[in-house]
C-alpha atoms as a PDB file:
ATOM      1  CA  MET A   1       3.054 -15.524  -1.431  1.00  0.00           C
ATOM      2  CA  LYS A   2       1.932 -13.682   1.724  1.00  0.00           C
ATOM      3  CA  ALA A   3      -1.661 -12.487   1.985  1.00  0.00           C
ATOM      4  CA  GLU A   4      -2.458  -9.041   3.364  1.00  0.00           C
ATOM      5  CA  THR A   5      -5.669  -7.145   3.975  1.00  0.00           C
ATOM      6  CA  LEU A   6      -6.814  -3.645   4.815  1.00  0.00           C
ATOM      7  CA  LEU A   7      -9.015  -2.206   7.506  1.00  0.00           C
ATOM      8  CA  PRO A   8     -11.960  -2.195   7.408  1.00  0.00           C
ATOM      9  CA  LEU A   9     -11.920  -5.893   6.577  1.00  0.00           C
ATOM     10  CA  GLY A  10     -13.603  -6.729   3.274  1.00  0.00           C
ATOM     11  CA  LYS A  11     -14.335  -3.143   2.274  1.00  0.00           C
ATOM     12  CA  LEU A  12     -15.507  -3.059  -1.332  1.00  0.00           C
ATOM     13  CA  ASP A  13     -13.985  -0.638  -3.806  1.00  0.00           C
ATOM     14  CA  PRO A  14     -16.669   2.034  -4.391  1.00  0.00           C
ATOM     15  CA  GLY A  15     -15.345   2.910  -7.850  1.00  0.00           C
ATOM     16  CA  LEU A  16     -15.885   6.641  -8.327  1.00  0.00           C
ATOM     17  CA  ARG A  17     -18.545   6.882  -5.625  1.00  0.00           C
ATOM     18  CA  ALA A  18     -17.891   7.939  -2.062  1.00  0.00           C
ATOM     19  CA  PRO A  19     -17.507   4.977   0.334  1.00  0.00           C
ATOM     20  CA  GLU A  20     -20.808   3.968   1.878  1.00  0.00           C
ATOM     21  CA  ALA A  21     -19.406   3.860   5.398  1.00  0.00           C
ATOM     22  CA  SER A  22     -16.237   5.022   7.119  1.00  0.00           C
ATOM     23  CA  LEU A  23     -14.091   2.893   9.401  1.00  0.00           C
ATOM     24  CA  ASP A  24     -15.840   2.002  12.656  1.00  0.00           C
ATOM     25  CA  LEU A  25     -13.170   2.314  15.322  1.00  0.00           C
ATOM     26  CA  ARG A  26     -15.255   0.159  17.663  1.00  0.00           C
ATOM     27  CA  THR A  27     -14.693  -2.878  15.432  1.00  0.00           C
ATOM     28  CA  VAL A  28     -10.942  -2.513  14.897  1.00  0.00           C
ATOM     29  CA  ALA A  29     -10.037  -4.871  17.748  1.00  0.00           C
ATOM     30  CA  SER A  30     -12.465  -7.588  16.665  1.00  0.00           C
ATOM     31  CA  ASP A  31     -11.439  -7.186  13.013  1.00  0.00           C
ATOM     32  CA  ALA A  32      -7.780  -7.584  13.985  1.00  0.00           C
ATOM     33  CA  ARG A  33      -8.537 -10.805  15.864  1.00  0.00           C
ATOM     34  CA  LEU A  34     -10.545 -12.110  12.919  1.00  0.00           C
ATOM     35  CA  VAL A  35      -7.756 -11.285  10.462  1.00  0.00           C
ATOM     36  CA  GLU A  36      -5.382 -13.221  12.679  1.00  0.00           C
ATOM     37  CA  GLU A  37      -7.747 -16.198  12.852  1.00  0.00           C
ATOM     38  CA  LEU A  38      -8.081 -16.192   9.060  1.00  0.00           C
ATOM     39  CA  GLY A  39      -4.335 -16.704   8.717  1.00  0.00           C
ATOM     40  CA  TYR A  40      -3.296 -13.419   7.133  1.00  0.00           C
ATOM     41  CA  HIS A  41       0.315 -12.347   7.317  1.00  0.00           C
ATOM     42  CA  SER A  42      -0.415  -8.622   7.580  1.00  0.00           C
ATOM     43  CA  LEU A  43      -3.191  -6.204   8.494  1.00  0.00           C
ATOM     44  CA  LEU A  44      -2.745  -2.804   6.879  1.00  0.00           C
ATOM     45  CA  MET A  45      -4.165   0.680   7.265  1.00  0.00           C
ATOM     46  CA  GLU A  46      -4.210   3.410   4.642  1.00  0.00           C
ATOM     47  CA  GLU A  47      -3.780   7.069   5.430  1.00  0.00           C
ATOM     48  CA  THR A  48      -6.980   8.530   4.015  1.00  0.00           C
ATOM     49  CA  LYS A  49      -9.629   9.656   6.513  1.00  0.00           C
ATOM     50  CA  ASP A  50      -8.013   8.398   9.755  1.00  0.00           C
ATOM     51  CA  ASP A  51      -4.550   8.469  11.247  1.00  0.00           C
ATOM     52  CA  PRO A  52      -3.133   5.000  10.509  1.00  0.00           C
ATOM     53  CA  PHE A  53      -0.788   4.842  13.494  1.00  0.00           C
ATOM     54  CA  GLN A  54      -3.579   5.366  16.005  1.00  0.00           C
ATOM     55  CA  VAL A  55      -5.840   2.809  14.350  1.00  0.00           C
ATOM     56  CA  LEU A  56      -3.034   0.252  14.111  1.00  0.00           C
ATOM     57  CA  ALA A  57      -2.296   0.724  17.796  1.00  0.00           C
ATOM     58  CA  LEU A  58      -5.807  -0.585  18.488  1.00  0.00           C
ATOM     59  CA  ALA A  59      -5.264  -3.510  16.118  1.00  0.00           C
ATOM     60  CA  ALA A  60      -1.844  -4.374  17.539  1.00  0.00           C
ATOM     61  CA  ALA A  61      -3.075  -4.329  21.130  1.00  0.00           C
ATOM     62  CA  ALA A  62      -5.912  -6.734  20.248  1.00  0.00           C
ATOM     63  CA  SER A  63      -3.803  -9.282  18.309  1.00  0.00           C
ATOM     64  CA  GLU A  64      -0.790 -11.489  18.936  1.00  0.00           C
ATOM     65  CA  ARG A  65       0.636 -12.831  15.663  1.00  0.00           C
ATOM     66  CA  VAL A  66      -0.501 -10.863  12.625  1.00  0.00           C
ATOM     67  CA  HIS A  67       1.823  -8.133  11.390  1.00  0.00           C
ATOM     68  CA  VAL A  68       0.393  -4.606  11.321  1.00  0.00           C
ATOM     69  CA  GLY A  69       1.540  -1.860   8.995  1.00  0.00           C
ATOM     70  CA  THR A  70       0.833   1.374   7.174  1.00  0.00           C
ATOM     71  CA  SER A  71      -0.070   1.107   3.512  1.00  0.00           C
ATOM     72  CA  VAL A  72       0.942   3.803   3.367  1.00  0.00           C
ATOM     73  CA  ALA A  73       1.736   6.727   5.660  1.00  0.00           C
ATOM     74  CA  ILE A  74       2.568   9.950   3.825  1.00  0.00           C
ATOM     75  CA  ALA A  75       6.249  10.578   4.462  1.00  0.00           C
ATOM     76  CA  PHE A  76       6.527  14.080   3.052  1.00  0.00           C
ATOM     77  CA  ALA A  77       3.668  15.363   5.220  1.00  0.00           C
ATOM     78  CA  ARG A  78       5.845  14.749   8.300  1.00  0.00           C
ATOM     79  CA  SER A  79       9.388  15.143   9.531  1.00  0.00           C
ATOM     80  CA  PRO A  80      11.553  11.999   9.735  1.00  0.00           C
ATOM     81  CA  PHE A  81      11.576  12.334  13.541  1.00  0.00           C
ATOM     82  CA  VAL A  82       7.771  12.287  13.747  1.00  0.00           C
ATOM     83  CA  ILE A  83       7.586   9.174  11.559  1.00  0.00           C
ATOM     84  CA  ALA A  84      10.421   7.504  13.471  1.00  0.00           C
ATOM     85  CA  GLN A  85       8.710   8.144  16.795  1.00  0.00           C
ATOM     86  CA  ALA A  86       5.295   6.913  15.606  1.00  0.00           C
ATOM     87  CA  ALA A  87       6.798   3.715  14.201  1.00  0.00           C
ATOM     88  CA  TRP A  88       8.935   3.130  17.318  1.00  0.00           C
ATOM     89  CA  THR A  89       5.846   3.363  19.508  1.00  0.00           C
ATOM     90  CA  ALA A  90       3.870   1.070  17.190  1.00  0.00           C
ATOM     91  CA  GLN A  91       6.711  -1.450  17.311  1.00  0.00           C
ATOM     92  CA  LYS A  92       6.568  -1.447  21.113  1.00  0.00           C
ATOM     93  CA  ILE A  93       2.781  -1.851  21.185  1.00  0.00           C
ATOM     94  CA  SER A  94       2.879  -4.703  18.655  1.00  0.00           C
ATOM     95  CA  GLN A  95       5.917  -6.343  20.291  1.00  0.00           C
ATOM     96  CA  GLY A  96       7.874  -6.421  17.071  1.00  0.00           C
ATOM     97  CA  ARG A  97       5.107  -6.881  14.475  1.00  0.00           C
ATOM     98  CA  PHE A  98       4.991  -3.383  12.980  1.00  0.00           C
ATOM     99  CA  GLU A  99       5.964  -2.548   9.394  1.00  0.00           C
ATOM    100  CA  LEU A 100       6.319   0.998   8.090  1.00  0.00           C
ATOM    101  CA  GLY A 101       4.949   1.637   4.621  1.00  0.00           C
ATOM    102  CA  LEU A 102       5.860   5.084   3.308  1.00  0.00           C
ATOM    103  CA  GLY A 103       4.474   6.971   0.322  1.00  0.00           C
ATOM    104  CA  SER A 104       5.434  10.279  -1.247  1.00  0.00           C
ATOM    105  CA  GLN A 105       2.002  11.559  -2.391  1.00  0.00           C
ATOM    106  CA  VAL A 106       1.800  13.844  -5.406  1.00  0.00           C
ATOM    107  CA  LYS A 107       2.930  17.442  -5.572  1.00  0.00           C
ATOM    108  CA  GLY A 108      -0.531  19.010  -5.392  1.00  0.00           C
ATOM    109  CA  HIS A 109      -1.418  17.263  -2.143  1.00  0.00           C
ATOM    110  CA  ILE A 110       1.894  18.052  -0.448  1.00  0.00           C
ATOM    111  CA  ARG A 111       1.658  21.722  -1.358  1.00  0.00           C
ATOM    112  CA  ARG A 112      -2.094  22.372  -1.222  1.00  0.00           C
ATOM    113  CA  ARG A 113      -3.401  19.837   1.334  1.00  0.00           C
ATOM    114  CA  PHE A 114      -0.478  19.654   3.726  1.00  0.00           C
ATOM    115  CA  GLY A 115       0.857  23.162   3.040  1.00  0.00           C
ATOM    116  CA  LEU A 116       4.481  22.092   2.688  1.00  0.00           C
ATOM    117  CA  PRO A 117       7.152  22.733   0.057  1.00  0.00           C
ATOM    118  CA  TRP A 118       7.801  20.167  -2.637  1.00  0.00           C
ATOM    119  CA  HIS A 119      11.079  18.579  -3.717  1.00  0.00           C
ATOM    120  CA  PRO A 120      11.882  15.922  -6.335  1.00  0.00           C
ATOM    121  CA  PRO A 121      10.373  12.827  -4.699  1.00  0.00           C
ATOM    122  CA  GLY A 122      12.970  10.144  -5.488  1.00  0.00           C
ATOM    123  CA  PRO A 123      15.994  11.820  -3.882  1.00  0.00           C
ATOM    124  CA  TRP A 124      13.748  13.143  -1.119  1.00  0.00           C
ATOM    125  CA  MET A 125      12.512   9.640  -0.238  1.00  0.00           C
ATOM    126  CA  ARG A 126      16.079   8.342  -0.182  1.00  0.00           C
ATOM    127  CA  ASP A 127      17.034  11.083   2.278  1.00  0.00           C
ATOM    128  CA  PHE A 128      13.873  10.546   4.319  1.00  0.00           C
ATOM    129  CA  VAL A 129      14.382   6.810   4.818  1.00  0.00           C
ATOM    130  CA  GLY A 130      18.032   7.375   5.627  1.00  0.00           C
ATOM    131  CA  ALA A 131      17.063   9.925   8.259  1.00  0.00           C
ATOM    132  CA  VAL A 132      14.481   7.613   9.854  1.00  0.00           C
ATOM    133  CA  ARG A 133      16.950   4.736  10.041  1.00  0.00           C
ATOM    134  CA  SER A 134      19.628   6.996  11.535  1.00  0.00           C
ATOM    135  CA  ILE A 135      17.217   8.171  14.220  1.00  0.00           C
ATOM    136  CA  TRP A 136      16.310   4.572  15.100  1.00  0.00           C
ATOM    137  CA  HIS A 137      19.986   3.609  15.196  1.00  0.00           C
ATOM    138  CA  SER A 138      20.724   6.490  17.560  1.00  0.00           C
ATOM    139  CA  TRP A 139      17.928   5.455  19.895  1.00  0.00           C
ATOM    140  CA  GLN A 140      18.764   1.759  19.888  1.00  0.00           C
ATOM    141  CA  THR A 141      22.527   2.153  20.342  1.00  0.00           C
ATOM    142  CA  GLU A 142      22.202   5.195  22.639  1.00  0.00           C
ATOM    143  CA  SER A 143      24.681   6.996  20.416  1.00  0.00           C
ATOM    144  CA  PRO A 144      24.686  10.609  19.166  1.00  0.00           C
ATOM    145  CA  LEU A 145      22.394  11.375  16.242  1.00  0.00           C
ATOM    146  CA  ALA A 146      24.383  12.391  13.189  1.00  0.00           C
ATOM    147  CA  TYR A 147      22.622  12.430   9.828  1.00  0.00           C
ATOM    148  CA  GLU A 148      23.336  14.918   7.076  1.00  0.00           C
ATOM    149  CA  SER A 149      21.914  14.912   3.564  1.00  0.00           C
ATOM    150  CA  ALA A 150      20.688  17.359   0.965  1.00  0.00           C
ATOM    151  CA  ARG A 151      17.451  17.946   2.932  1.00  0.00           C
ATOM    152  CA  TYR A 152      18.175  17.003   6.527  1.00  0.00           C
ATOM    153  CA  ASN A 153      20.840  17.899   9.072  1.00  0.00           C
ATOM    154  CA  LEU A 154      19.934  16.001  12.232  1.00  0.00           C
ATOM    155  CA  ASN A 155      22.352  16.110  15.145  1.00  0.00           C
ATOM    156  CA  LEU A 156      20.388  17.091  18.249  1.00  0.00           C
ATOM    157  CA  SER A 157      19.880  14.355  20.844  1.00  0.00           C
ATOM    158  CA  VAL A 158      18.187  15.439  24.073  1.00  0.00           C
ATOM    159  CA  PRO A 159      17.573  12.792  26.787  1.00  0.00           C
ATOM    160  CA  LEU A 160      14.091  14.132  27.496  1.00  0.00           C
ATOM    161  CA  PHE A 161      13.007  13.382  23.916  1.00  0.00           C
ATOM    162  CA  THR A 162      15.034  10.209  23.254  1.00  0.00           C
ATOM    163  CA  PRO A 163      13.235   6.844  23.554  1.00  0.00           C
ATOM    164  CA  ALA A 164      14.938   3.906  25.209  1.00  0.00           C
ATOM    165  CA  PRO A 165      16.175   0.905  23.200  1.00  0.00           C
ATOM    166  CA  ILE A 166      13.558  -1.734  22.413  1.00  0.00           C
ATOM    167  CA  LYS A 167      13.544  -5.529  22.197  1.00  0.00           C
ATOM    168  CA  CYS A 168      12.812  -5.682  18.445  1.00  0.00           C
ATOM    169  CA  PRO A 169      14.574  -2.683  16.872  1.00  0.00           C
ATOM    170  CA  HIS A 170      14.353  -3.780  13.229  1.00  0.00           C
ATOM    171  CA  ILE A 171      11.267  -2.177  11.708  1.00  0.00           C
ATOM    172  CA  PRO A 172      10.820  -3.131   8.045  1.00  0.00           C
ATOM    173  CA  ILE A 173      10.263  -0.210   5.692  1.00  0.00           C
ATOM    174  CA  GLN A 174       8.365  -0.512   2.418  1.00  0.00           C
ATOM    175  CA  VAL A 175       8.247   2.377  -0.054  1.00  0.00           C
ATOM    176  CA  ALA A 176       5.288   2.949  -2.354  1.00  0.00           C
ATOM    177  CA  ALA A 177       6.120   3.253  -6.039  1.00  0.00           C
ATOM    178  CA  VAL A 178       4.553   3.529  -9.459  1.00  0.00           C
ATOM    179  CA  ASN A 179       7.501   4.506 -11.619  1.00  0.00           C
ATOM    180  CA  PRO A 180      10.821   2.633 -11.906  1.00  0.00           C
ATOM    181  CA  TYR A 181      12.856   5.460 -10.364  1.00  0.00           C
ATOM    182  CA  MET A 182      11.028   5.276  -7.034  1.00  0.00           C
ATOM    183  CA  ALA A 183      11.106   1.483  -7.227  1.00  0.00           C
ATOM    184  CA  LYS A 184      14.900   1.705  -7.518  1.00  0.00           C
ATOM    185  CA  VAL A 185      15.009   3.965  -4.478  1.00  0.00           C
ATOM    186  CA  ALA A 186      12.971   1.383  -2.572  1.00  0.00           C
ATOM    187  CA  ALA A 187      15.357  -1.394  -3.606  1.00  0.00           C
ATOM    188  CA  GLN A 188      18.320   0.674  -2.441  1.00  0.00           C
ATOM    189  CA  VAL A 189      17.084   1.862   0.951  1.00  0.00           C
ATOM    190  CA  ALA A 190      14.032  -0.183   2.006  1.00  0.00           C
ATOM    191  CA  ASP A 191      12.947  -3.736   2.759  1.00  0.00           C
ATOM    192  CA  GLY A 192      10.231  -3.785   0.137  1.00  0.00           C
ATOM    193  CA  VAL A 193       8.240  -1.853  -2.433  1.00  0.00           C
ATOM    194  CA  ARG A 194       4.476  -1.339  -2.328  1.00  0.00           C
ATOM    195  CA  LEU A 195       3.177  -1.139  -5.876  1.00  0.00           C
ATOM    196  CA  HIS A 196       0.091   0.829  -6.825  1.00  0.00           C
ATOM    197  CA  PRO A 197      -2.983  -0.984  -8.209  1.00  0.00           C
ATOM    198  CA  VAL A 198      -2.198   0.431 -11.685  1.00  0.00           C
ATOM    199  CA  CYS A 199       0.821  -1.879 -11.879  1.00  0.00           C
ATOM    200  CA  SER A 200      -0.319  -4.681 -14.186  1.00  0.00           C
ATOM    201  CA  PRO A 201       1.575  -7.977 -14.467  1.00  0.00           C
ATOM    202  CA  ARG A 202       3.136  -6.804 -17.725  1.00  0.00           C
ATOM    203  CA  TYR A 203       4.252  -3.500 -16.210  1.00  0.00           C
ATOM    204  CA  ILE A 204       5.755  -5.320 -13.237  1.00  0.00           C
ATOM    205  CA  THR A 205       7.689  -7.806 -15.385  1.00  0.00           C
ATOM    206  CA  ASP A 206       8.719  -5.373 -18.141  1.00  0.00           C
ATOM    207  CA  VAL A 207       9.466  -2.246 -16.095  1.00  0.00           C
ATOM    208  CA  ILE A 208       9.556  -2.681 -12.310  1.00  0.00           C
ATOM    209  CA  LEU A 209      11.463  -5.940 -11.889  1.00  0.00           C
ATOM    210  CA  PRO A 210      14.253  -5.037 -14.349  1.00  0.00           C
ATOM    211  CA  ALA A 211      14.691  -1.777 -12.429  1.00  0.00           C
ATOM    212  CA  ILE A 212      14.948  -3.329  -8.962  1.00  0.00           C
ATOM    213  CA  ASP A 213      16.460  -6.785  -9.491  1.00  0.00           C
ATOM    214  CA  PRO A 214      20.088  -5.580  -9.755  1.00  0.00           C
ATOM    215  CA  LEU A 215      19.681  -3.515  -6.564  1.00  0.00           C
ATOM    216  CA  ARG A 216      17.519  -5.440  -4.113  1.00  0.00           C
ATOM    217  CA  GLY A 217      18.660  -7.831  -1.429  1.00  0.00           C
ATOM    218  CA  ALA A 218      17.561 -11.423  -1.045  1.00  0.00           C
ATOM    219  CA  ASP A 219      14.837 -10.550   1.481  1.00  0.00           C
ATOM    220  CA  PHE A 220      13.424  -7.573  -0.438  1.00  0.00           C
ATOM    221  CA  GLU A 221       9.681  -8.019  -1.055  1.00  0.00           C
ATOM    222  CA  VAL A 222       7.447  -6.769  -3.854  1.00  0.00           C
ATOM    223  CA  CYS A 223       3.987  -6.039  -2.446  1.00  0.00           C
ATOM    224  CA  LEU A 224       0.907  -5.357  -4.551  1.00  0.00           C
ATOM    225  CA  LYS A 225      -2.597  -4.117  -3.925  1.00  0.00           C
ATOM    226  CA  PRO A 226      -4.233  -5.140  -7.216  1.00  0.00           C
ATOM    227  CA  LEU A 227      -7.519  -4.002  -8.618  1.00  0.00           C
ATOM    228  CA  VAL A 228      -9.932  -6.866  -7.949  1.00  0.00           C
ATOM    229  CA  ALA A 229     -13.425  -7.642  -9.208  1.00  0.00           C
ATOM    230  CA  ALA A 230     -14.623 -10.694  -7.304  1.00  0.00           C
ATOM    231  CA  ALA A 231     -18.009 -12.042  -6.237  1.00  0.00           C
ATOM    232  CA  ARG A 232     -19.797 -15.182  -5.156  1.00  0.00           C
ATOM    233  CA  THR A 233     -22.018 -15.447  -8.269  1.00  0.00           C
ATOM    234  CA  GLU A 234     -21.759 -14.505 -11.937  1.00  0.00           C
ATOM    235  CA  GLN A 235     -24.557 -11.957 -11.537  1.00  0.00           C
ATOM    236  CA  GLU A 236     -22.780 -10.211  -8.663  1.00  0.00           C
ATOM    237  CA  LEU A 237     -19.511 -10.348 -10.581  1.00  0.00           C
ATOM    238  CA  VAL A 238     -20.965  -8.319 -13.452  1.00  0.00           C
ATOM    239  CA  ALA A 239     -21.667  -5.445 -11.068  1.00  0.00           C
ATOM    240  CA  ARG A 240     -18.186  -5.664  -9.479  1.00  0.00           C
ATOM    241  CA  ILE A 241     -16.556  -5.593 -12.916  1.00  0.00           C
ATOM    242  CA  GLU A 242     -18.279  -2.306 -13.733  1.00  0.00           C
ATOM    243  CA  VAL A 243     -17.075  -0.786 -10.451  1.00  0.00           C
ATOM    244  CA  ALA A 244     -13.532  -1.885 -11.302  1.00  0.00           C
ATOM    245  CA  ARG A 245     -13.946  -0.378 -14.784  1.00  0.00           C
ATOM    246  CA  GLN A 246     -14.765   2.992 -13.183  1.00  0.00           C
ATOM    247  CA  ARG A 247     -11.714   2.819 -10.939  1.00  0.00           C
ATOM    248  CA  LEU A 248      -9.428   1.836 -13.807  1.00  0.00           C
ATOM    249  CA  ALA A 249     -10.735   4.732 -15.911  1.00  0.00           C
ATOM    250  CA  PHE A 250      -9.944   7.126 -13.076  1.00  0.00           C
ATOM    251  CA  TYR A 251      -6.413   5.761 -12.757  1.00  0.00           C
ATOM    252  CA  CYS A 252      -5.884   6.051 -16.518  1.00  0.00           C
ATOM    253  CA  SER A 253      -6.926   9.699 -16.318  1.00  0.00           C
ATOM    254  CA  THR A 254      -4.329  10.525 -13.638  1.00  0.00           C
ATOM    255  CA  PRO A 255      -1.063  11.841 -15.134  1.00  0.00           C
ATOM    256  CA  ALA A 256       0.992  10.522 -12.207  1.00  0.00           C
ATOM    257  CA  TYR A 257       0.019   6.965 -13.185  1.00  0.00           C
ATOM    258  CA  SER A 258       0.353   7.262 -16.957  1.00  0.00           C
ATOM    259  CA  ALA A 259       3.702   5.436 -17.087  1.00  0.00           C
ATOM    260  CA  ALA A 260       1.987   2.217 -16.015  1.00  0.00           C
ATOM    261  CA  PHE A 261      -0.155   2.352 -19.160  1.00  0.00           C
ATOM    262  CA  ASP A 262       2.621   3.314 -21.564  1.00  0.00           C
ATOM    263  CA  VAL A 263       3.603  -0.362 -21.897  1.00  0.00           C
ATOM    264  CA  PHE A 264       0.269  -0.871 -23.680  1.00  0.00           C
ATOM    265  CA  GLY A 265       0.665   2.183 -25.928  1.00  0.00           C
ATOM    266  CA  LEU A 266      -2.307   3.904 -24.272  1.00  0.00           C
ATOM    267  CA  GLN A 267      -0.983   7.469 -24.227  1.00  0.00           C
ATOM    268  CA  ASP A 268      -3.885   8.741 -26.332  1.00  0.00           C
ATOM    269  CA  LEU A 269      -6.470   7.008 -24.123  1.00  0.00           C
ATOM    270  CA  CYS A 270      -4.902   8.448 -20.974  1.00  0.00           C
ATOM    271  CA  ALA A 271      -4.928  11.931 -22.500  1.00  0.00           C
ATOM    272  CA  GLU A 272      -8.588  11.575 -23.503  1.00  0.00           C
ATOM    273  CA  LEU A 273      -9.584  10.355 -20.041  1.00  0.00           C
ATOM    274  CA  ALA A 274      -7.658  13.196 -18.426  1.00  0.00           C
ATOM    275  CA  GLN A 275      -9.743  15.654 -20.472  1.00  0.00           C
ATOM    276  CA  LEU A 276     -12.971  13.915 -19.463  1.00  0.00           C
ATOM    277  CA  ALA A 277     -11.908  14.019 -15.804  1.00  0.00           C
ATOM    278  CA  ARG A 278     -11.213  17.758 -16.004  1.00  0.00           C
ATOM    279  CA  ALA A 279     -14.705  18.192 -17.460  1.00  0.00           C
ATOM    280  CA  GLN A 280     -16.079  15.951 -14.649  1.00  0.00           C
ATOM    281  CA  ARG A 281     -17.653  13.632 -17.211  1.00  0.00           C
ATOM    282  CA  TRP A 282     -17.265  10.672 -14.853  1.00  0.00           C
ATOM    283  CA  ASP A 283     -19.951   8.466 -16.456  1.00  0.00           C
ATOM    284  CA  ASP A 284     -18.321   8.768 -19.866  1.00  0.00           C
ATOM    285  CA  MET A 285     -14.887   7.716 -18.636  1.00  0.00           C
ATOM    286  CA  ALA A 286     -15.694   4.080 -17.893  1.00  0.00           C
ATOM    287  CA  THR A 287     -17.081   3.549 -21.391  1.00  0.00           C
ATOM    288  CA  ARG A 288     -13.574   4.095 -22.782  1.00  0.00           C
ATOM    289  CA  ILE A 289     -12.174   1.047 -20.911  1.00  0.00           C
ATOM    290  CA  SER A 290     -12.404  -2.076 -23.069  1.00  0.00           C
ATOM    291  CA  ASP A 291     -13.018  -5.532 -21.660  1.00  0.00           C
ATOM    292  CA  ASP A 292      -9.560  -6.628 -22.811  1.00  0.00           C
ATOM    293  CA  LEU A 293      -7.838  -3.779 -20.995  1.00  0.00           C
ATOM    294  CA  LEU A 294      -9.933  -4.364 -17.896  1.00  0.00           C
ATOM    295  CA  ARG A 295      -9.022  -8.045 -17.665  1.00  0.00           C
ATOM    296  CA  THR A 296      -5.381  -7.198 -18.303  1.00  0.00           C
ATOM    297  CA  CYS A 297      -5.269  -4.780 -15.378  1.00  0.00           C
ATOM    298  CA  VAL A 298      -7.893  -6.238 -13.014  1.00  0.00           C
ATOM    299  CA  VAL A 299      -8.102  -9.583 -11.218  1.00  0.00           C
ATOM    300  CA  VAL A 300     -11.529 -10.889 -12.252  1.00  0.00           C
ATOM    301  CA  ALA A 301     -12.784 -14.070 -10.592  1.00  0.00           C
ATOM    302  CA  LEU A 302     -15.502 -15.760  -8.637  1.00  0.00           C
ATOM    303  CA  TYR A 303     -14.625 -16.361  -5.003  1.00  0.00           C
ATOM    304  CA  ASP A 304     -14.059 -20.072  -5.675  1.00  0.00           C
ATOM    305  CA  ASP A 305     -11.450 -19.228  -8.316  1.00  0.00           C
ATOM    306  CA  LEU A 306      -9.898 -16.121  -6.748  1.00  0.00           C
ATOM    307  CA  ALA A 307      -6.847 -17.723  -5.129  1.00  0.00           C
ATOM    308  CA  ALA A 308      -5.992 -19.755  -8.221  1.00  0.00           C
ATOM    309  CA  THR A 309      -6.396 -16.696 -10.452  1.00  0.00           C
ATOM    310  CA  ILE A 310      -4.089 -14.660  -8.228  1.00  0.00           C
ATOM    311  CA  ARG A 311      -1.430 -17.357  -8.162  1.00  0.00           C
ATOM    312  CA  GLN A 312      -1.598 -17.812 -11.934  1.00  0.00           C
ATOM    313  CA  ARG A 313      -1.127 -14.066 -12.512  1.00  0.00           C
ATOM    314  CA  TYR A 314       1.519 -13.295  -9.901  1.00  0.00           C
ATOM    315  CA  ASP A 315       3.464 -16.400  -8.803  1.00  0.00           C
ATOM    316  CA  GLY A 316       7.181 -15.712  -8.994  1.00  0.00           C
ATOM    317  CA  MET A 317       6.525 -12.006  -9.605  1.00  0.00           C
ATOM    318  CA  ILE A 318       5.529 -10.637  -6.193  1.00  0.00           C
ATOM    319  CA  GLN A 319       5.924 -11.772  -2.598  1.00  0.00           C
ATOM    320  CA  ARG A 320       2.853 -10.163  -1.003  1.00  0.00           C
ATOM    321  CA  ILE A 321      -0.655  -9.494  -2.229  1.00  0.00           C
ATOM    322  CA  GLU A 322      -3.579  -7.665  -0.668  1.00  0.00           C
ATOM    323  CA  VAL A 323      -6.854  -9.530  -1.004  1.00  0.00           C
ATOM    324  CA  SER A 324     -10.143  -9.768   0.854  1.00  0.00           C
ATOM    325  CA  ILE A 325     -13.871 -10.290   0.452  1.00  0.00           C
ATOM    326  CA  PRO A 326     -16.746  -8.971   2.580  1.00  0.00           C
ATOM    327  CA  VAL A 327     -17.271 -11.097   5.689  1.00  0.00           C
ATOM    328  CA  ASP A 328     -20.935 -10.849   6.620  1.00  0.00           C
ATOM    329  CA  THR A 329     -21.738 -14.487   7.433  1.00  0.00           C
ATOM    330  CA  PRO A 330     -19.964 -17.599   8.794  1.00  0.00           C
ATOM    331  CA  SER A 331     -19.925 -18.880   5.217  1.00  0.00           C
ATOM    332  CA  ASP A 332     -18.058 -15.740   4.097  1.00  0.00           C
ATOM    333  CA  ARG A 333     -15.505 -16.309   6.850  1.00  0.00           C
ATOM    334  CA  GLU A 334     -14.911 -19.899   5.711  1.00  0.00           C
ATOM    335  CA  GLN A 335     -14.592 -18.724   2.107  1.00  0.00           C
ATOM    336  CA  LEU A 336     -12.024 -16.051   2.961  1.00  0.00           C
ATOM    337  CA  ALA A 337     -10.017 -18.411   5.174  1.00  0.00           C
ATOM    338  CA  SER A 338      -9.872 -20.837   2.249  1.00  0.00           C
ATOM    339  CA  ILE A 339      -8.699 -18.080  -0.122  1.00  0.00           C
ATOM    340  CA  VAL A 340      -5.989 -16.926   2.278  1.00  0.00           C
ATOM    341  CA  GLN A 341      -4.771 -20.466   2.884  1.00  0.00           C
ATOM    342  CA  ALA A 342      -4.640 -21.235  -0.835  1.00  0.00           C
ATOM    343  CA  ILE A 343      -2.651 -18.062  -1.567  1.00  0.00           C
ATOM    344  CA  GLN A 344      -0.154 -18.662   1.214  1.00  0.00           C
END
């Protein structure tokens, strides 16, 4: 199992609170070198408050071995050409270590945050990935661009705007998914699927894997960013569990994620939490999450047991997992290196 981590390194989940601090761009280079020293396979960047491609350029330039990738960049907020160009440049900067994670985002964000029209996301993502790959193929082979689908008709190649071939032209693509339809799309057109934290082990085994196994190739990877409540001591762990309970309640209240909870027969709970969220009764939401449900959906462990707990839950199920702890002292660094080594 490959271990991955996000920038900023060791950032704690704030639950329903705003993050205490934003990413410090001045530490990206040193964080990237540290991630490499710790033995991670991949260093990832989300698209939330900062542009992930620009931040990853800093990380790639400062490192030599660790893979860098988006987890995830919002595909439908951009044209395939813009994504293709950003990834091509990142691949050159990283000298072949870049991986492109793509996500669809939900309808409200595409229409009301990005100001763009919405289409059914599964077929759209299939077209989008096909377009990106066709653009890369055109650049690498110096052949005319010719891609036509339901949403894209791309056939204009102008030398002024056409990058030269590169040494490492294969850029892995991973597609974010919650529901089995998008997971199938990922298995058909991508190199991996990035599952949302709401995807519990039971949901993965009962729903996701049966959907993708008949379609995916031998090298296709299932990647997961799980919900984690971890700490050095039992006292600290109690506080982290309550933060995870808040986050899980929020996810249960989100209609786009409800399918992941249907395997537990929690339709009524999800509907109740959705009503509480609309009323902004945030403090009441966490009280609806039982300890049993929390431990079913959240990795709960002390640091000393974290790697073993992860392997027990996910061995044979996924190929990559995102995990980290805050690194404030040399002891923290040794602890995290041990966790990464044990996972991998």
